[in-house]
Amino acid sequence: MKNGDIVTGKVKSINKNYFWVDLPNDYQGVVFIQEVSDYYIKNLSEMFVLGDEIKLKVLSVSHRNKKASLSFKAIRPKYLKIPFTYKINETKNGFENLFQHAKKEVEKWRK
């Protein structure tokens, strides 16, 4: 594994601002919330669940510690970007609607 590689990992634990992923060859990776989306995400557990297998890009790797820093947004398809025509109201429901739209797009990509 080296910087820039695309890897598949299994979500191991989720915190509010980052989550850990089990990677091949006993490596572990961390994905910080800013590497998930360009849009506001309140809590990563609303987007990922334990056991999810997802593709990620390696940002940096420490072979000595068998740990890697990863990015989800670096490899997402273009259709995951919310179109400019999607209206967001600055209300609780407006942000929930945006999240529901993004979640549907993520589900399409996972398949």
N, C-alpha and C. Protein backbone atom coordinates (compact mmCIF):
# COMPACT_ATOMS: atom_id res chain seq x y z
N MET A 1 0.85 -1.17 0.00
CA MET A 1 0.00 0.00 0.00
C MET A 1 0.90 1.24 0.00
N LYS A 2 0.52 2.21 -0.86
CA LYS A 2 1.29 3.45 -0.93
C LYS A 2 0.34 4.62 -1.15
N ASN A 3 0.84 5.82 -0.99
CA ASN A 3 0.03 7.02 -1.19
C ASN A 3 -0.59 7.02 -2.58
N GLY A 4 -1.88 7.35 -2.63
CA GLY A 4 -2.59 7.40 -3.90
C GLY A 4 -3.31 6.12 -4.26
N ASP A 5 -3.02 5.01 -3.59
CA ASP A 5 -3.70 3.75 -3.87
C ASP A 5 -5.17 3.84 -3.47
N ILE A 6 -6.00 3.06 -4.17
CA ILE A 6 -7.41 2.90 -3.82
C ILE A 6 -7.53 1.56 -3.10
N VAL A 7 -8.09 1.60 -1.89
CA VAL A 7 -8.22 0.38 -1.08
C VAL A 7 -9.67 0.21 -0.65
N THR A 8 -10.02 -1.02 -0.32
CA THR A 8 -11.33 -1.31 0.25
C THR A 8 -11.14 -1.64 1.71
N GLY A 9 -11.93 -0.99 2.54
CA GLY A 9 -11.84 -1.21 3.97
C GLY A 9 -13.20 -1.44 4.59
N LYS A 10 -13.19 -2.00 5.79
CA LYS A 10 -14.42 -2.27 6.53
C LYS A 10 -14.47 -1.35 7.74
N VAL A 11 -15.57 -0.61 7.89
CA VAL A 11 -15.72 0.33 8.99
C VAL A 11 -15.70 -0.43 10.31
N LYS A 12 -14.77 -0.02 11.18
CA LYS A 12 -14.54 -0.71 12.45
C LYS A 12 -15.14 0.05 13.63
N SER A 13 -14.96 1.37 13.66
CA SER A 13 -15.55 2.19 14.72
C SER A 13 -15.82 3.58 14.18
N ILE A 14 -16.85 4.22 14.74
CA ILE A 14 -17.27 5.54 14.27
C ILE A 14 -17.35 6.49 15.45
N ASN A 15 -16.71 7.63 15.30
CA ASN A 15 -16.82 8.72 16.26
C ASN A 15 -17.50 9.88 15.55
N LYS A 16 -17.69 10.97 16.26
CA LYS A 16 -18.39 12.11 15.66
C LYS A 16 -17.62 12.70 14.49
N ASN A 17 -16.30 12.82 14.60
CA ASN A 17 -15.50 13.52 13.59
C ASN A 17 -14.56 12.64 12.77
N TYR A 18 -14.52 11.36 13.03
CA TYR A 18 -13.67 10.45 12.27
C TYR A 18 -14.14 9.02 12.46
N PHE A 19 -13.68 8.13 11.57
CA PHE A 19 -13.96 6.72 11.77
C PHE A 19 -12.75 5.89 11.38
N TRP A 20 -12.66 4.71 11.98
CA TRP A 20 -11.54 3.79 11.72
C TRP A 20 -12.00 2.68 10.79
N VAL A 21 -11.06 2.24 9.96
CA VAL A 21 -11.35 1.21 8.96
C VAL A 21 -10.29 0.12 9.04
N ASP A 22 -10.73 -1.14 9.00
CA ASP A 22 -9.79 -2.26 8.88
C ASP A 22 -9.43 -2.40 7.41
N LEU A 23 -8.14 -2.48 7.14
CA LEU A 23 -7.62 -2.59 5.77
C LEU A 23 -6.91 -3.94 5.59
N PRO A 24 -6.61 -4.32 4.36
CA PRO A 24 -5.87 -5.56 4.12
C PRO A 24 -4.50 -5.55 4.81
N ASN A 25 -3.96 -6.73 5.05
CA ASN A 25 -2.63 -6.92 5.64
C ASN A 25 -2.50 -6.33 7.04
N ASP A 26 -3.60 -6.37 7.81
CA ASP A 26 -3.62 -5.91 9.21
C ASP A 26 -3.32 -4.42 9.38
N TYR A 27 -3.55 -3.63 8.37
CA TYR A 27 -3.42 -2.18 8.48
C TYR A 27 -4.74 -1.61 9.01
N GLN A 28 -4.65 -0.45 9.64
CA GLN A 28 -5.83 0.29 10.06
C GLN A 28 -5.76 1.67 9.45
N GLY A 29 -6.93 2.21 9.10
CA GLY A 29 -6.96 3.53 8.51
C GLY A 29 -7.95 4.42 9.23
N VAL A 30 -7.69 5.71 9.17
CA VAL A 30 -8.59 6.70 9.76
C VAL A 30 -9.07 7.64 8.67
N VAL A 31 -10.37 7.96 8.72
CA VAL A 31 -10.97 8.91 7.79
C VAL A 31 -11.58 10.02 8.63
N PHE A 32 -11.05 11.24 8.49
CA PHE A 32 -11.59 12.38 9.21
C PHE A 32 -12.77 12.96 8.46
N ILE A 33 -13.65 13.60 9.19
CA ILE A 33 -14.91 14.10 8.62
C ILE A 33 -14.69 15.00 7.41
N GLN A 34 -13.63 15.78 7.40
CA GLN A 34 -13.37 16.67 6.26
C GLN A 34 -12.96 15.91 5.01
N GLU A 35 -12.63 14.62 5.15
CA GLU A 35 -12.28 13.79 3.99
C GLU A 35 -13.46 12.92 3.54
N VAL A 36 -14.66 13.22 4.05
CA VAL A 36 -15.85 12.48 3.64
C VAL A 36 -16.64 13.26 2.61
N SER A 37 -16.81 14.56 2.83
CA SER A 37 -17.65 15.36 1.95
C SER A 37 -17.23 16.83 2.00
N ASP A 38 -17.58 17.55 0.96
CA ASP A 38 -17.39 19.00 0.95
C ASP A 38 -18.55 19.70 1.64
N TYR A 39 -19.59 18.94 1.97
CA TYR A 39 -20.79 19.49 2.57
C TYR A 39 -20.85 19.13 4.05
N TYR A 40 -21.63 19.87 4.80
CA TYR A 40 -21.76 19.67 6.23
C TYR A 40 -22.34 18.29 6.56
N ILE A 41 -21.67 17.60 7.46
CA ILE A 41 -22.15 16.33 7.99
C ILE A 41 -22.14 16.47 9.50
N LYS A 42 -23.29 16.30 10.11
CA LYS A 42 -23.40 16.48 11.56
C LYS A 42 -22.67 15.37 12.31
N ASN A 43 -22.89 14.14 11.87
CA ASN A 43 -22.32 13.00 12.57
C ASN A 43 -22.07 11.89 11.56
N LEU A 44 -20.90 11.32 11.57
CA LEU A 44 -20.56 10.27 10.59
C LEU A 44 -21.41 9.02 10.73
N SER A 45 -21.95 8.77 11.92
CA SER A 45 -22.77 7.57 12.11
C SER A 45 -24.10 7.67 11.36
N GLU A 46 -24.44 8.87 10.88
CA GLU A 46 -25.63 9.02 10.04
C GLU A 46 -25.35 8.59 8.61
N MET A 47 -24.09 8.48 8.25
CA MET A 47 -23.71 8.17 6.88
C MET A 47 -23.12 6.77 6.73
N PHE A 48 -22.43 6.30 7.76
CA PHE A 48 -21.79 4.99 7.71
C PHE A 48 -22.24 4.15 8.90
N VAL A 49 -22.21 2.83 8.74
CA VAL A 49 -22.51 1.93 9.85
C VAL A 49 -21.38 0.94 9.98
N LEU A 50 -21.24 0.39 11.17
CA LEU A 50 -20.18 -0.60 11.41
C LEU A 50 -20.33 -1.75 10.43
N GLY A 51 -19.22 -2.17 9.87
CA GLY A 51 -19.23 -3.29 8.93
C GLY A 51 -19.34 -2.89 7.47
N ASP A 52 -19.66 -1.63 7.19
CA ASP A 52 -19.72 -1.16 5.80
C ASP A 52 -18.37 -1.39 5.12
N GLU A 53 -18.40 -1.90 3.90
CA GLU A 53 -17.18 -2.01 3.10
C GLU A 53 -17.19 -0.87 2.09
N ILE A 54 -16.17 -0.03 2.15
CA ILE A 54 -16.13 1.15 1.30
C ILE A 54 -14.75 1.28 0.65
N LYS A 55 -14.75 1.96 -0.49
CA LYS A 55 -13.49 2.23 -1.19
C LYS A 55 -12.98 3.59 -0.73
N LEU A 56 -11.66 3.67 -0.55
CA LEU A 56 -11.03 4.88 -0.04
C LEU A 56 -9.70 5.11 -0.74
N LYS A 57 -9.25 6.35 -0.75
CA LYS A 57 -7.94 6.68 -1.31
C LYS A 57 -6.96 6.88 -0.17
N VAL A 58 -5.76 6.33 -0.31
CA VAL A 58 -4.72 6.46 0.69
C VAL A 58 -4.06 7.83 0.54
N LEU A 59 -4.12 8.63 1.61
CA LEU A 59 -3.48 9.94 1.61
C LEU A 59 -2.05 9.84 2.12
N SER A 60 -1.87 9.07 3.17
CA SER A 60 -0.52 8.82 3.70
C SER A 60 -0.56 7.50 4.45
N VAL A 61 0.62 6.87 4.54
CA VAL A 61 0.69 5.57 5.20
C VAL A 61 1.97 5.48 6.02
N SER A 62 1.86 4.87 7.19
CA SER A 62 3.01 4.58 8.03
C SER A 62 3.14 3.06 8.10
N HIS A 63 4.12 2.52 7.39
CA HIS A 63 4.29 1.07 7.38
C HIS A 63 4.80 0.56 8.73
N ARG A 64 5.52 1.40 9.44
CA ARG A 64 6.03 1.01 10.75
C ARG A 64 4.88 0.77 11.73
N ASN A 65 3.86 1.65 11.72
CA ASN A 65 2.72 1.53 12.63
C ASN A 65 1.54 0.79 12.02
N LYS A 66 1.63 0.50 10.70
CA LYS A 66 0.53 -0.13 9.96
C LYS A 66 -0.75 0.69 10.07
N LYS A 67 -0.59 2.02 9.89
CA LYS A 67 -1.73 2.92 9.93
C LYS A 67 -1.71 3.81 8.69
N ALA A 68 -2.91 4.21 8.26
CA ALA A 68 -3.03 5.04 7.07
C ALA A 68 -4.07 6.13 7.28
N SER A 69 -3.86 7.25 6.64
CA SER A 69 -4.84 8.33 6.58
C SER A 69 -5.54 8.19 5.23
N LEU A 70 -6.87 8.22 5.25
CA LEU A 70 -7.65 7.90 4.05
C LEU A 70 -8.65 9.00 3.71
N SER A 71 -9.12 8.97 2.46
CA SER A 71 -10.13 9.93 2.01
C SER A 71 -11.24 9.20 1.27
N PHE A 72 -12.48 9.52 1.63
CA PHE A 72 -13.65 9.00 0.93
C PHE A 72 -14.01 9.93 -0.22
N LYS A 73 -13.94 11.24 0.01
CA LYS A 73 -14.37 12.19 -1.01
C LYS A 73 -13.42 12.26 -2.20
N ALA A 74 -12.18 11.84 -2.04
CA ALA A 74 -11.20 11.93 -3.12
C ALA A 74 -11.54 11.02 -4.30
N ILE A 75 -12.32 9.98 -4.07
CA ILE A 75 -12.62 9.05 -5.17
C ILE A 75 -14.10 8.97 -5.50
N ARG A 76 -14.90 9.79 -4.85
CA ARG A 76 -16.34 9.69 -5.12
C ARG A 76 -16.64 10.11 -6.55
N PRO A 77 -17.63 9.47 -7.13
CA PRO A 77 -18.01 9.82 -8.50
C PRO A 77 -18.59 11.23 -8.57
N LYS A 78 -18.57 11.80 -9.74
CA LYS A 78 -19.09 13.15 -9.92
C LYS A 78 -20.56 13.26 -9.56
N TYR A 79 -21.34 12.18 -9.73
CA TYR A 79 -22.77 12.30 -9.45
C TYR A 79 -23.06 12.44 -7.97
N LEU A 80 -22.07 12.27 -7.11
CA LEU A 80 -22.31 12.51 -5.68
C LEU A 80 -22.29 13.99 -5.33
N LYS A 81 -21.84 14.82 -6.25
CA LYS A 81 -21.84 16.24 -5.98
C LYS A 81 -23.28 16.76 -6.11
N ILE A 82 -23.71 17.49 -5.12
CA ILE A 82 -25.07 18.01 -5.11
C ILE A 82 -25.19 19.08 -6.20
N PRO A 83 -26.17 18.96 -7.08
CA PRO A 83 -26.31 19.97 -8.14
C PRO A 83 -26.68 21.34 -7.57
N PHE A 84 -26.29 22.39 -8.28
CA PHE A 84 -26.59 23.74 -7.83
C PHE A 84 -28.09 24.00 -7.77
N THR A 85 -28.88 23.25 -8.52
CA THR A 85 -30.32 23.47 -8.53
C THR A 85 -30.99 22.93 -7.27
N TYR A 86 -30.28 22.14 -6.49
CA TYR A 86 -30.85 21.60 -5.26
C TYR A 86 -30.89 22.71 -4.22
N LYS A 87 -32.08 23.07 -3.77
CA LYS A 87 -32.24 24.21 -2.86
C LYS A 87 -32.12 23.76 -1.41
N ILE A 88 -31.41 24.53 -0.65
CA ILE A 88 -31.24 24.24 0.77
C ILE A 88 -31.83 25.40 1.56
N ASN A 89 -32.75 25.08 2.43
CA ASN A 89 -33.25 26.09 3.36
C ASN A 89 -32.41 26.01 4.61
N GLU A 90 -32.09 27.13 5.18
CA GLU A 90 -31.28 27.13 6.39
C GLU A 90 -32.16 26.84 7.60
N THR A 91 -32.82 25.71 7.53
CA THR A 91 -33.64 25.23 8.64
C THR A 91 -33.23 23.80 8.91
N LYS A 92 -33.68 23.28 10.00
CA LYS A 92 -33.38 21.89 10.34
C LYS A 92 -33.86 20.96 9.22
N ASN A 93 -35.09 21.17 8.74
CA ASN A 93 -35.62 20.31 7.68
C ASN A 93 -34.86 20.46 6.37
N GLY A 94 -34.41 21.67 6.07
CA GLY A 94 -33.64 21.89 4.85
C GLY A 94 -32.35 21.09 4.85
N PHE A 95 -31.64 21.11 5.98
CA PHE A 95 -30.40 20.35 6.07
C PHE A 95 -30.67 18.85 6.08
N GLU A 96 -31.77 18.42 6.70
CA GLU A 96 -32.12 17.00 6.69
C GLU A 96 -32.43 16.55 5.27
N ASN A 97 -33.11 17.39 4.49
CA ASN A 97 -33.41 17.04 3.11
C ASN A 97 -32.13 16.91 2.30
N LEU A 98 -31.17 17.81 2.52
CA LEU A 98 -29.88 17.73 1.83
C LEU A 98 -29.18 16.43 2.19
N PHE A 99 -29.19 16.09 3.48
CA PHE A 99 -28.54 14.85 3.91
C PHE A 99 -29.21 13.63 3.28
N GLN A 100 -30.53 13.61 3.24
CA GLN A 100 -31.24 12.47 2.64
C GLN A 100 -30.86 12.33 1.17
N HIS A 101 -30.74 13.44 0.46
CA HIS A 101 -30.32 13.40 -0.95
C HIS A 101 -28.91 12.81 -1.07
N ALA A 102 -28.00 13.31 -0.24
CA ALA A 102 -26.61 12.83 -0.28
C ALA A 102 -26.55 11.35 0.09
N LYS A 103 -27.32 10.94 1.07
CA LYS A 103 -27.31 9.54 1.51
C LYS A 103 -27.78 8.62 0.37
N LYS A 104 -28.81 9.03 -0.37
CA LYS A 104 -29.29 8.23 -1.51
C LYS A 104 -28.19 8.08 -2.56
N GLU A 105 -27.46 9.17 -2.81
CA GLU A 105 -26.38 9.12 -3.79
C GLU A 105 -25.26 8.20 -3.33
N VAL A 106 -24.95 8.22 -2.04
CA VAL A 106 -23.92 7.33 -1.50
C VAL A 106 -24.35 5.87 -1.65
N GLU A 107 -25.62 5.59 -1.38
CA GLU A 107 -26.12 4.22 -1.52
C GLU A 107 -25.97 3.73 -2.96
N LYS A 108 -26.24 4.60 -3.95
CA LYS A 108 -26.05 4.21 -5.35
C LYS A 108 -24.61 3.84 -5.61
N TRP A 109 -23.69 4.62 -5.04
CA TRP A 109 -22.26 4.41 -5.30
C TRP A 109 -21.76 3.14 -4.63
N ARG A 110 -22.31 2.77 -3.47
CA ARG A 110 -21.85 1.58 -2.76
C ARG A 110 -22.18 0.30 -3.53
N LYS A 111 -23.23 0.33 -4.34
CA LYS A 111 -23.69 -0.89 -5.02
C LYS A 111 -22.81 -1.24 -6.18
